[in-house]
Amino acid sequence: MSSGVRFEDYVAELLSRLGFRVMDRRVKVTSNGVEVGEVDLVVEDECGNRYSVEGGCYTNWRLRRNR
């Protein structure tokens, strides 16, 4: 298991403790049927708003609301 996957587990656990529900992991992002990327986590808050969570080795983890 890579350190990136372990850190994803840590972030998922942290977000769960903060009240978010992890909906999915490593979600492919497509545009017009073409794969354009991947997000690490999709989480949902208590109001039903969904957020994509993306992180990297040299970046801060970001929580973005999906529209």
C-alpha atoms as a PDB file:
ATOM      1  CA  MET A   1       0.000   0.000   0.000  1.00  0.00           C
ATOM      2  CA  SER A   2       1.504   3.347  -1.040  1.00  0.00           C
ATOM      3  CA  SER A   3       1.804   6.295   1.301  1.00  0.00           C
ATOM      4  CA  GLY A   4      -0.691   8.180  -0.902  1.00  0.00           C
ATOM      5  CA  VAL A   5      -3.379   5.552  -0.328  1.00  0.00           C
ATOM      6  CA  ARG A   6      -2.693   5.523   3.417  1.00  0.00           C
ATOM      7  CA  PHE A   7      -2.990   9.307   3.510  1.00  0.00           C
ATOM      8  CA  GLU A   8      -6.285   9.106   1.592  1.00  0.00           C
ATOM      9  CA  ASP A   9      -7.518   6.745   4.316  1.00  0.00           C
ATOM     10  CA  TYR A  10      -6.445   9.263   6.958  1.00  0.00           C
ATOM     11  CA  VAL A  11      -8.231  12.127   5.166  1.00  0.00           C
ATOM     12  CA  ALA A  12     -11.378   9.993   4.718  1.00  0.00           C
ATOM     13  CA  GLU A  13     -11.377   9.169   8.441  1.00  0.00           C
ATOM     14  CA  LEU A  14     -10.842  12.824   9.371  1.00  0.00           C
ATOM     15  CA  LEU A  15     -13.690  14.000   7.138  1.00  0.00           C
ATOM     16  CA  SER A  16     -15.944  11.295   8.587  1.00  0.00           C
ATOM     17  CA  ARG A  17     -15.200  12.561  12.087  1.00  0.00           C
ATOM     18  CA  LEU A  18     -16.060  16.078  10.922  1.00  0.00           C
ATOM     19  CA  GLY A  19     -19.505  14.894   9.824  1.00  0.00           C
ATOM     20  CA  PHE A  20     -18.952  14.146   6.146  1.00  0.00           C
ATOM     21  CA  ARG A  21     -19.914  10.818   4.619  1.00  0.00           C
ATOM     22  CA  VAL A  22     -17.489   9.283   2.125  1.00  0.00           C
ATOM     23  CA  MET A  23     -19.536   8.405  -0.939  1.00  0.00           C
ATOM     24  CA  ASP A  24     -16.807   7.119  -3.258  1.00  0.00           C
ATOM     25  CA  ARG A  25     -13.050   6.977  -3.847  1.00  0.00           C
ATOM     26  CA  ARG A  26     -10.920   7.489  -6.951  1.00  0.00           C
ATOM     27  CA  VAL A  27     -13.784   8.765  -9.092  1.00  0.00           C
ATOM     28  CA  LYS A  28     -13.122   9.256 -12.795  1.00  0.00           C
ATOM     29  CA  VAL A  29     -14.106  12.672 -14.152  1.00  0.00           C
ATOM     30  CA  THR A  30     -15.441  12.758 -17.702  1.00  0.00           C
ATOM     31  CA  SER A  31     -16.407  15.533 -20.087  1.00  0.00           C
ATOM     32  CA  ASN A  32     -18.396  14.703 -23.212  1.00  0.00           C
ATOM     33  CA  GLY A  33     -17.607  11.024 -22.692  1.00  0.00           C
ATOM     34  CA  VAL A  34     -13.838  11.591 -22.451  1.00  0.00           C
ATOM     35  CA  GLU A  35     -11.968  10.864 -19.213  1.00  0.00           C
ATOM     36  CA  VAL A  36     -10.276  14.106 -18.153  1.00  0.00           C
ATOM     37  CA  GLY A  37      -9.153  13.295 -14.628  1.00  0.00           C
ATOM     38  CA  GLU A  38      -9.825  11.661 -11.304  1.00  0.00           C
ATOM     39  CA  VAL A  39     -10.663  12.905  -7.804  1.00  0.00           C
ATOM     40  CA  ASP A  40      -9.535  11.087  -4.681  1.00  0.00           C
ATOM     41  CA  LEU A  41     -12.790  11.227  -2.686  1.00  0.00           C
ATOM     42  CA  VAL A  42     -16.405  12.299  -3.055  1.00  0.00           C
ATOM     43  CA  VAL A  43     -17.985  13.213   0.273  1.00  0.00           C
ATOM     44  CA  GLU A  44     -21.425  14.420   1.331  1.00  0.00           C
ATOM     45  CA  ASP A  45     -22.340  16.758   4.198  1.00  0.00           C
ATOM     46  CA  GLU A  46     -25.398  16.482   6.423  1.00  0.00           C
ATOM     47  CA  CYS A  47     -27.416  18.714   4.060  1.00  0.00           C
ATOM     48  CA  GLY A  48     -26.781  16.449   1.074  1.00  0.00           C
ATOM     49  CA  ASN A  49     -24.212  18.719  -0.602  1.00  0.00           C
ATOM     50  CA  ARG A  50     -21.506  16.699  -2.334  1.00  0.00           C
ATOM     51  CA  TYR A  51     -17.849  17.695  -2.518  1.00  0.00           C
ATOM     52  CA  SER A  52     -14.870  16.418  -4.457  1.00  0.00           C
ATOM     53  CA  VAL A  53     -11.646  16.050  -2.484  1.00  0.00           C
ATOM     54  CA  GLU A  54      -8.294  16.100  -4.227  1.00  0.00           C
ATOM     55  CA  GLY A  55      -4.791  15.988  -2.819  1.00  0.00           C
ATOM     56  CA  GLY A  56      -1.253  15.502  -3.927  1.00  0.00           C
ATOM     57  CA  CYS A  57       2.267  15.091  -2.655  1.00  0.00           C
ATOM     58  CA  TYR A  58       3.101  18.783  -2.817  1.00  0.00           C
ATOM     59  CA  THR A  59      -0.338  20.372  -2.571  1.00  0.00           C
ATOM     60  CA  ASN A  60      -2.835  20.972   0.184  1.00  0.00           C
ATOM     61  CA  TRP A  61      -5.929  18.812   0.175  1.00  0.00           C
ATOM     62  CA  ARG A  62      -8.876  20.668  -1.341  1.00  0.00           C
ATOM     63  CA  LEU A  63     -12.559  20.256  -0.655  1.00  0.00           C
ATOM     64  CA  ARG A  64     -14.678  21.610  -3.527  1.00  0.00           C
ATOM     65  CA  ARG A  65     -18.445  21.731  -3.696  1.00  0.00           C
ATOM     66  CA  ASN A  66     -19.851  19.951  -6.741  1.00  0.00           C
ATOM     67  CA  ARG A  67     -22.494  21.841  -8.674  1.00  0.00           C
END
